[in-house]
Structure formats: C-alpha cells, structure tokens
Amino acid sequence: MPDIIHPNDRPPVDSEQRVLSANQKFYDAFNQQNLEGMQQVWVRDPAARCIHPGWPVLRGFDSIIKSWQDIFENT
C-alpha cells in the first residue's frame, strides 16, 4: 500500500507556496510562544535582521532569538 501524503506535508512547489509555508510556521511558533519553532524559521546568519515595533533593528540570529525568548517570557 503506498504511503499517503497529507496535503500539508508536501513540499512547497513554487515561491508563493514557500513564502506561505514559512509565514505559517512563523505564526504557529508565535501563537504557541514556541522558541524552538522560532529558531527553525529564522536564518542562522549574521545578516539576519528583525524589527519589532518600537525596538531598534536586531542583527544576527542570536540577538533575534534572544528577543523572542524575552518576549515569550514576558507575555
């Protein structure tokens, strides 16, 4: 019997689907206050940038993840 692949488990096939998939993963992590999930959606690169409303620009993976940790701990 062939494996059944759930539609949500299929890899995205185009740019729009990749963006939508990444966006969904981000908001799932955000809504669940899941730091591990956030670590999976952010690129581990010093060039990564994040701007939270009212915050200065955060640069680099470690600073970005620390910010999410602080946000989740204080929410």
PDB file of N, CA and C in Angstrom:
ATOM      1  N   MET A   1       0.847  -1.177   0.000  1.00  0.00           N
ATOM      2  CA  MET A   1       0.000   0.000   0.000  1.00  0.00           C
ATOM      3  C   MET A   1       0.893   1.242   0.000  1.00  0.00           C
ATOM      4  N   PRO A   2       0.669   2.175  -0.909  1.00  0.00           N
ATOM      5  CA  PRO A   2       1.523   3.367  -0.965  1.00  0.00           C
ATOM      6  C   PRO A   2       1.294   4.268   0.243  1.00  0.00           C
ATOM      7  N   ASP A   3       2.356   4.991   0.596  1.00  0.00           N
ATOM      8  CA  ASP A   3       2.227   5.960   1.683  1.00  0.00           C
ATOM      9  C   ASP A   3       1.261   7.055   1.274  1.00  0.00           C
ATOM     10  N   ILE A   4       0.455   7.477   2.213  1.00  0.00           N
ATOM     11  CA  ILE A   4      -0.468   8.574   1.963  1.00  0.00           C
ATOM     12  C   ILE A   4       0.192   9.850   2.464  1.00  0.00           C
ATOM     13  N   ILE A   5       0.274  10.834   1.608  1.00  0.00           N
ATOM     14  CA  ILE A   5       0.883  12.109   1.974  1.00  0.00           C
ATOM     15  C   ILE A   5      -0.227  13.119   2.195  1.00  0.00           C
ATOM     16  N   HIS A   6      -0.265  13.638   3.394  1.00  0.00           N
ATOM     17  CA  HIS A   6      -1.237  14.681   3.714  1.00  0.00           C
ATOM     18  C   HIS A   6      -0.874  15.928   2.912  1.00  0.00           C
ATOM     19  N   PRO A   7      -1.857  16.656   2.388  1.00  0.00           N
ATOM     20  CA  PRO A   7      -1.544  17.844   1.571  1.00  0.00           C
ATOM     21  C   PRO A   7      -0.630  18.844   2.265  1.00  0.00           C
ATOM     22  N   ASN A   8      -0.748  18.987   3.583  1.00  0.00           N
ATOM     23  CA  ASN A   8       0.101  19.943   4.302  1.00  0.00           C
ATOM     24  C   ASN A   8       1.526  19.441   4.478  1.00  0.00           C
ATOM     25  N   ASP A   9       1.780  18.169   4.212  1.00  0.00           N
ATOM     26  CA  ASP A   9       3.115  17.600   4.363  1.00  0.00           C
ATOM     27  C   ASP A   9       3.924  17.634   3.073  1.00  0.00           C
ATOM     28  N   ARG A  10       3.290  17.982   1.978  1.00  0.00           N
ATOM     29  CA  ARG A  10       4.005  18.047   0.703  1.00  0.00           C
ATOM     30  C   ARG A  10       4.916  19.260   0.685  1.00  0.00           C
ATOM     31  N   PRO A  11       6.084  19.126   0.086  1.00  0.00           N
ATOM     32  CA  PRO A  11       6.955  20.300  -0.011  1.00  0.00           C
ATOM     33  C   PRO A  11       6.339  21.349  -0.933  1.00  0.00           C
ATOM     34  N   PRO A  12       6.543  22.616  -0.608  1.00  0.00           N
ATOM     35  CA  PRO A  12       6.027  23.677  -1.480  1.00  0.00           C
ATOM     36  C   PRO A  12       6.618  23.558  -2.882  1.00  0.00           C
ATOM     37  N   VAL A  13       5.826  23.898  -3.871  1.00  0.00           N
ATOM     38  CA  VAL A  13       6.275  23.719  -5.244  1.00  0.00           C
ATOM     39  C   VAL A  13       6.654  25.019  -5.933  1.00  0.00           C
ATOM     40  N   ASP A  14       6.316  26.147  -5.366  1.00  0.00           N
ATOM     41  CA  ASP A  14       6.690  27.394  -6.013  1.00  0.00           C
ATOM     42  C   ASP A  14       7.000  28.450  -4.958  1.00  0.00           C
ATOM     43  N   SER A  15       7.457  29.587  -5.405  1.00  0.00           N
ATOM     44  CA  SER A  15       7.873  30.647  -4.485  1.00  0.00           C
ATOM     45  C   SER A  15       6.743  31.100  -3.578  1.00  0.00           C
ATOM     46  N   GLU A  16       5.570  31.269  -4.137  1.00  0.00           N
ATOM     47  CA  GLU A  16       4.444  31.715  -3.319  1.00  0.00           C
ATOM     48  C   GLU A  16       4.157  30.705  -2.216  1.00  0.00           C
ATOM     49  N   GLN A  17       4.167  29.440  -2.553  1.00  0.00           N
ATOM     50  CA  GLN A  17       3.908  28.405  -1.553  1.00  0.00           C
ATOM     51  C   GLN A  17       5.005  28.374  -0.493  1.00  0.00           C
ATOM     52  N   ARG A  18       6.246  28.591  -0.890  1.00  0.00           N
ATOM     53  CA  ARG A  18       7.339  28.614   0.091  1.00  0.00           C
ATOM     54  C   ARG A  18       7.162  29.769   1.065  1.00  0.00           C
ATOM     55  N   VAL A  19       6.765  30.920   0.550  1.00  0.00           N
ATOM     56  CA  VAL A  19       6.535  32.083   1.414  1.00  0.00           C
ATOM     57  C   VAL A  19       5.364  31.816   2.355  1.00  0.00           C
ATOM     58  N   LEU A  20       4.281  31.291   1.824  1.00  0.00           N
ATOM     59  CA  LEU A  20       3.115  30.996   2.656  1.00  0.00           C
ATOM     60  C   LEU A  20       3.444  29.960   3.727  1.00  0.00           C
ATOM     61  N   SER A  21       4.232  28.964   3.372  1.00  0.00           N
ATOM     62  CA  SER A  21       4.627  27.932   4.326  1.00  0.00           C
ATOM     63  C   SER A  21       5.497  28.524   5.439  1.00  0.00           C
ATOM     64  N   ALA A  22       6.475  29.334   5.073  1.00  0.00           N
ATOM     65  CA  ALA A  22       7.343  29.970   6.070  1.00  0.00           C
ATOM     66  C   ALA A  22       6.532  30.895   6.970  1.00  0.00           C
ATOM     67  N   ASN A  23       5.614  31.629   6.379  1.00  0.00           N
ATOM     68  CA  ASN A  23       4.762  32.531   7.144  1.00  0.00           C
ATOM     69  C   ASN A  23       3.912  31.753   8.153  1.00  0.00           C
ATOM     70  N   GLN A  24       3.357  30.636   7.715  1.00  0.00           N
ATOM     71  CA  GLN A  24       2.540  29.813   8.607  1.00  0.00           C
ATOM     72  C   GLN A  24       3.373  29.265   9.760  1.00  0.00           C
ATOM     73  N   LYS A  25       4.581  28.804   9.456  1.00  0.00           N
ATOM     74  CA  LYS A  25       5.459  28.279  10.509  1.00  0.00           C
ATOM     75  C   LYS A  25       5.814  29.373  11.513  1.00  0.00           C
ATOM     76  N   PHE A  26       6.062  30.585  11.018  1.00  0.00           N
ATOM     77  CA  PHE A  26       6.364  31.706  11.911  1.00  0.00           C
ATOM     78  C   PHE A  26       5.184  31.968  12.846  1.00  0.00           C
ATOM     79  N   TYR A  27       3.988  32.100  12.280  1.00  0.00           N
ATOM     80  CA  TYR A  27       2.830  32.424  13.111  1.00  0.00           C
ATOM     81  C   TYR A  27       2.424  31.277  14.028  1.00  0.00           C
ATOM     82  N   ASP A  28       2.665  30.049  13.619  1.00  0.00           N
ATOM     83  CA  ASP A  28       2.435  28.921  14.531  1.00  0.00           C
ATOM     84  C   ASP A  28       3.358  29.042  15.743  1.00  0.00           C
ATOM     85  N   ALA A  29       4.632  29.301  15.497  1.00  0.00           N
ATOM     86  CA  ALA A  29       5.596  29.458  16.593  1.00  0.00           C
ATOM     87  C   ALA A  29       5.230  30.663  17.459  1.00  0.00           C
ATOM     88  N   PHE A  30       4.859  31.752  16.823  1.00  0.00           N
ATOM     89  CA  PHE A  30       4.485  32.967  17.545  1.00  0.00           C
ATOM     90  C   PHE A  30       3.268  32.718  18.437  1.00  0.00           C
ATOM     91  N   ASN A  31       2.218  32.156  17.872  1.00  0.00           N
ATOM     92  CA  ASN A  31       0.976  31.943  18.618  1.00  0.00           C
ATOM     93  C   ASN A  31       1.137  30.935  19.748  1.00  0.00           C
ATOM     94  N   GLN A  32       2.040  29.991  19.571  1.00  0.00           N
ATOM     95  CA  GLN A  32       2.279  28.978  20.601  1.00  0.00           C
ATOM     96  C   GLN A  32       3.414  29.373  21.541  1.00  0.00           C
ATOM     97  N   GLN A  33       3.983  30.550  21.316  1.00  0.00           N
ATOM     98  CA  GLN A  33       5.145  31.014  22.074  1.00  0.00           C
ATOM     99  C   GLN A  33       6.203  29.913  22.126  1.00  0.00           C
ATOM    100  N   ASN A  34       6.515  29.399  20.958  1.00  0.00           N
ATOM    101  CA  ASN A  34       7.402  28.253  20.802  1.00  0.00           C
ATOM    102  C   ASN A  34       8.773  28.738  20.336  1.00  0.00           C
ATOM    103  N   LEU A  35       9.706  28.833  21.265  1.00  0.00           N
ATOM    104  CA  LEU A  35      11.032  29.341  20.929  1.00  0.00           C
ATOM    105  C   LEU A  35      11.754  28.419  19.949  1.00  0.00           C
ATOM    106  N   GLU A  36      11.609  27.121  20.124  1.00  0.00           N
ATOM    107  CA  GLU A  36      12.236  26.176  19.196  1.00  0.00           C
ATOM    108  C   GLU A  36      11.690  26.368  17.780  1.00  0.00           C
ATOM    109  N   GLY A  37      10.393  26.600  17.682  1.00  0.00           N
ATOM    110  CA  GLY A  37       9.795  26.873  16.377  1.00  0.00           C
ATOM    111  C   GLY A  37      10.355  28.144  15.763  1.00  0.00           C
ATOM    112  N   MET A  38      10.547  29.170  16.589  1.00  0.00           N
ATOM    113  CA  MET A  38      11.146  30.416  16.087  1.00  0.00           C
ATOM    114  C   MET A  38      12.565  30.169  15.588  1.00  0.00           C
ATOM    115  N   GLN A  39      13.298  29.344  16.311  1.00  0.00           N
ATOM    116  CA  GLN A  39      14.667  29.046  15.885  1.00  0.00           C
ATOM    117  C   GLN A  39      14.686  28.366  14.524  1.00  0.00           C
ATOM    118  N   GLN A  40      13.636  27.651  14.210  1.00  0.00           N
ATOM    119  CA  GLN A  40      13.577  26.949  12.928  1.00  0.00           C
ATOM    120  C   GLN A  40      13.209  27.863  11.762  1.00  0.00           C
ATOM    121  N   VAL A  41      12.548  28.981  12.040  1.00  0.00           N
ATOM    122  CA  VAL A  41      12.144  29.847  10.925  1.00  0.00           C
ATOM    123  C   VAL A  41      13.130  30.977  10.642  1.00  0.00           C
ATOM    124  N   TRP A  42      14.018  31.256  11.583  1.00  0.00           N
ATOM    125  CA  TRP A  42      14.991  32.330  11.359  1.00  0.00           C
ATOM    126  C   TRP A  42      16.294  31.751  10.823  1.00  0.00           C
ATOM    127  N   VAL A  43      16.860  32.442   9.852  1.00  0.00           N
ATOM    128  CA  VAL A  43      18.124  32.014   9.261  1.00  0.00           C
ATOM    129  C   VAL A  43      19.255  32.243  10.266  1.00  0.00           C
ATOM    130  N   ARG A  44      20.154  31.295  10.348  1.00  0.00           N
ATOM    131  CA  ARG A  44      21.305  31.399  11.260  1.00  0.00           C
ATOM    132  C   ARG A  44      22.438  32.098  10.520  1.00  0.00           C
ATOM    133  N   ASP A  45      22.303  33.402  10.463  1.00  0.00           N
ATOM    134  CA  ASP A  45      23.234  34.197   9.664  1.00  0.00           C
ATOM    135  C   ASP A  45      23.391  35.562  10.322  1.00  0.00           C
ATOM    136  N   PRO A  46      24.612  36.078  10.375  1.00  0.00           N
ATOM    137  CA  PRO A  46      24.810  37.408  10.948  1.00  0.00           C
ATOM    138  C   PRO A  46      24.063  38.499  10.178  1.00  0.00           C
ATOM    139  N   ALA A  47      23.696  38.212   8.936  1.00  0.00           N
ATOM    140  CA  ALA A  47      22.980  39.199   8.126  1.00  0.00           C
ATOM    141  C   ALA A  47      21.482  39.245   8.434  1.00  0.00           C
ATOM    142  N   ALA A  48      20.982  38.312   9.242  1.00  0.00           N
ATOM    143  CA  ALA A  48      19.552  38.301   9.587  1.00  0.00           C
ATOM    144  C   ALA A  48      19.194  39.588  10.321  1.00  0.00           C
ATOM    145  N   ARG A  49      18.000  40.098  10.040  1.00  0.00           N
ATOM    146  CA  ARG A  49      17.518  41.324  10.673  1.00  0.00           C
ATOM    147  C   ARG A  49      16.095  41.110  11.153  1.00  0.00           C
ATOM    148  N   CYS A  50      15.768  41.763  12.266  1.00  0.00           N
ATOM    149  CA  CYS A  50      14.414  41.710  12.809  1.00  0.00           C
ATOM    150  C   CYS A  50      14.094  43.079  13.388  1.00  0.00           C
ATOM    151  N   ILE A  51      12.899  43.556  13.111  1.00  0.00           N
ATOM    152  CA  ILE A  51      12.456  44.828  13.683  1.00  0.00           C
ATOM    153  C   ILE A  51      11.120  44.588  14.377  1.00  0.00           C
ATOM    154  N   HIS A  52      11.163  44.579  15.703  1.00  0.00           N
ATOM    155  CA  HIS A  52       9.933  44.529  16.485  1.00  0.00           C
ATOM    156  C   HIS A  52       9.430  45.968  16.611  1.00  0.00           C
ATOM    157  N   PRO A  53       8.121  46.181  16.654  1.00  0.00           N
ATOM    158  CA  PRO A  53       7.603  47.548  16.800  1.00  0.00           C
ATOM    159  C   PRO A  53       8.194  48.244  18.029  1.00  0.00           C
ATOM    160  N   GLY A  54       8.763  49.411  17.806  1.00  0.00           N
ATOM    161  CA  GLY A  54       9.317  50.209  18.889  1.00  0.00           C
ATOM    162  C   GLY A  54      10.711  49.805  19.333  1.00  0.00           C
ATOM    163  N   TRP A  55      11.304  48.813  18.691  1.00  0.00           N
ATOM    164  CA  TRP A  55      12.645  48.337  19.043  1.00  0.00           C
ATOM    165  C   TRP A  55      13.641  48.797  17.984  1.00  0.00           C
ATOM    166  N   PRO A  56      14.920  48.843  18.358  1.00  0.00           N
ATOM    167  CA  PRO A  56      15.938  49.065  17.325  1.00  0.00           C
ATOM    168  C   PRO A  56      16.074  47.806  16.461  1.00  0.00           C
ATOM    169  N   VAL A  57      16.727  47.941  15.344  1.00  0.00           N
ATOM    170  CA  VAL A  57      16.958  46.793  14.467  1.00  0.00           C
ATOM    171  C   VAL A  57      17.843  45.784  15.192  1.00  0.00           C
ATOM    172  N   LEU A  58      17.408  44.535  15.197  1.00  0.00           N
ATOM    173  CA  LEU A  58      18.211  43.459  15.776  1.00  0.00           C
ATOM    174  C   LEU A  58      18.987  42.800  14.651  1.00  0.00           C
ATOM    175  N   ARG A  59      20.255  42.520  14.918  1.00  0.00           N
ATOM    176  CA  ARG A  59      21.125  41.949  13.895  1.00  0.00           C
ATOM    177  C   ARG A  59      21.670  40.610  14.360  1.00  0.00           C
ATOM    178  N   GLY A  60      21.526  39.614  13.510  1.00  0.00           N
ATOM    179  CA  GLY A  60      22.081  38.296  13.795  1.00  0.00           C
ATOM    180  C   GLY A  60      21.106  37.376  14.508  1.00  0.00           C
ATOM    181  N   PHE A  61      21.273  36.103  14.231  1.00  0.00           N
ATOM    182  CA  PHE A  61      20.387  35.064  14.755  1.00  0.00           C
ATOM    183  C   PHE A  61      20.291  35.098  16.279  1.00  0.00           C
ATOM    184  N   ASP A  62      21.424  35.162  16.958  1.00  0.00           N
ATOM    185  CA  ASP A  62      21.406  35.097  18.425  1.00  0.00           C
ATOM    186  C   ASP A  62      20.608  36.245  19.039  1.00  0.00           C
ATOM    187  N   SER A  63      20.796  37.456  18.535  1.00  0.00           N
ATOM    188  CA  SER A  63      20.042  38.607  19.055  1.00  0.00           C
ATOM    189  C   SER A  63      18.550  38.465  18.785  1.00  0.00           C
ATOM    190  N   ILE A  64      18.227  37.967  17.614  1.00  0.00           N
ATOM    191  CA  ILE A  64      16.820  37.804  17.245  1.00  0.00           C
ATOM    192  C   ILE A  64      16.150  36.763  18.138  1.00  0.00           C
ATOM    193  N   ILE A  65      16.796  35.627  18.324  1.00  0.00           N
ATOM    194  CA  ILE A  65      16.205  34.570  19.149  1.00  0.00           C
ATOM    195  C   ILE A  65      16.113  35.010  20.602  1.00  0.00           C
ATOM    196  N   LYS A  66      17.109  35.728  21.088  1.00  0.00           N
ATOM    197  CA  LYS A  66      17.051  36.253  22.462  1.00  0.00           C
ATOM    198  C   LYS A  66      15.852  37.185  22.615  1.00  0.00           C
ATOM    199  N   SER A  67      15.570  37.977  21.594  1.00  0.00           N
ATOM    200  CA  SER A  67      14.423  38.883  21.676  1.00  0.00           C
ATOM    201  C   SER A  67      13.122  38.099  21.781  1.00  0.00           C
ATOM    202  N   TRP A  68      12.993  37.026  20.999  1.00  0.00           N
ATOM    203  CA  TRP A  68      11.777  36.209  21.073  1.00  0.00           C
ATOM    204  C   TRP A  68      11.680  35.512  22.419  1.00  0.00           C
ATOM    205  N   GLN A  69      12.799  35.074  22.943  1.00  0.00           N
ATOM    206  CA  GLN A  69      12.791  34.456  24.270  1.00  0.00           C
ATOM    207  C   GLN A  69      12.278  35.459  25.305  1.00  0.00           C
ATOM    208  N   ASP A  70      12.795  36.682  25.262  1.00  0.00           N
ATOM    209  CA  ASP A  70      12.354  37.721  26.198  1.00  0.00           C
ATOM    210  C   ASP A  70      10.868  38.031  26.026  1.00  0.00           C
ATOM    211  N   ILE A  71      10.424  38.124  24.792  1.00  0.00           N
ATOM    212  CA  ILE A  71       9.008  38.410  24.529  1.00  0.00           C
ATOM    213  C   ILE A  71       8.133  37.291  25.088  1.00  0.00           C
ATOM    214  N   PHE A  72       8.491  36.053  24.794  1.00  0.00           N
ATOM    215  CA  PHE A  72       7.679  34.925  25.259  1.00  0.00           C
ATOM    216  C   PHE A  72       7.676  34.827  26.782  1.00  0.00           C
ATOM    217  N   GLU A  73       8.805  35.099  27.411  1.00  0.00           N
ATOM    218  CA  GLU A  73       8.877  35.018  28.876  1.00  0.00           C
ATOM    219  C   GLU A  73       8.080  36.126  29.552  1.00  0.00           C
ATOM    220  N   ASN A  74       7.865  37.224  28.857  1.00  0.00           N
ATOM    221  CA  ASN A  74       7.172  38.368  29.452  1.00  0.00           C
ATOM    222  C   ASN A  74       5.758  38.556  28.919  1.00  0.00           C
ATOM    223  N   THR A  75       5.240  37.534  28.283  1.00  0.00           N
ATOM    224  CA  THR A  75       3.881  37.611  27.734  1.00  0.00           C
ATOM    225  C   THR A  75       2.939  36.784  28.579  1.00  0.00           C
TER     226      THR A  75
END
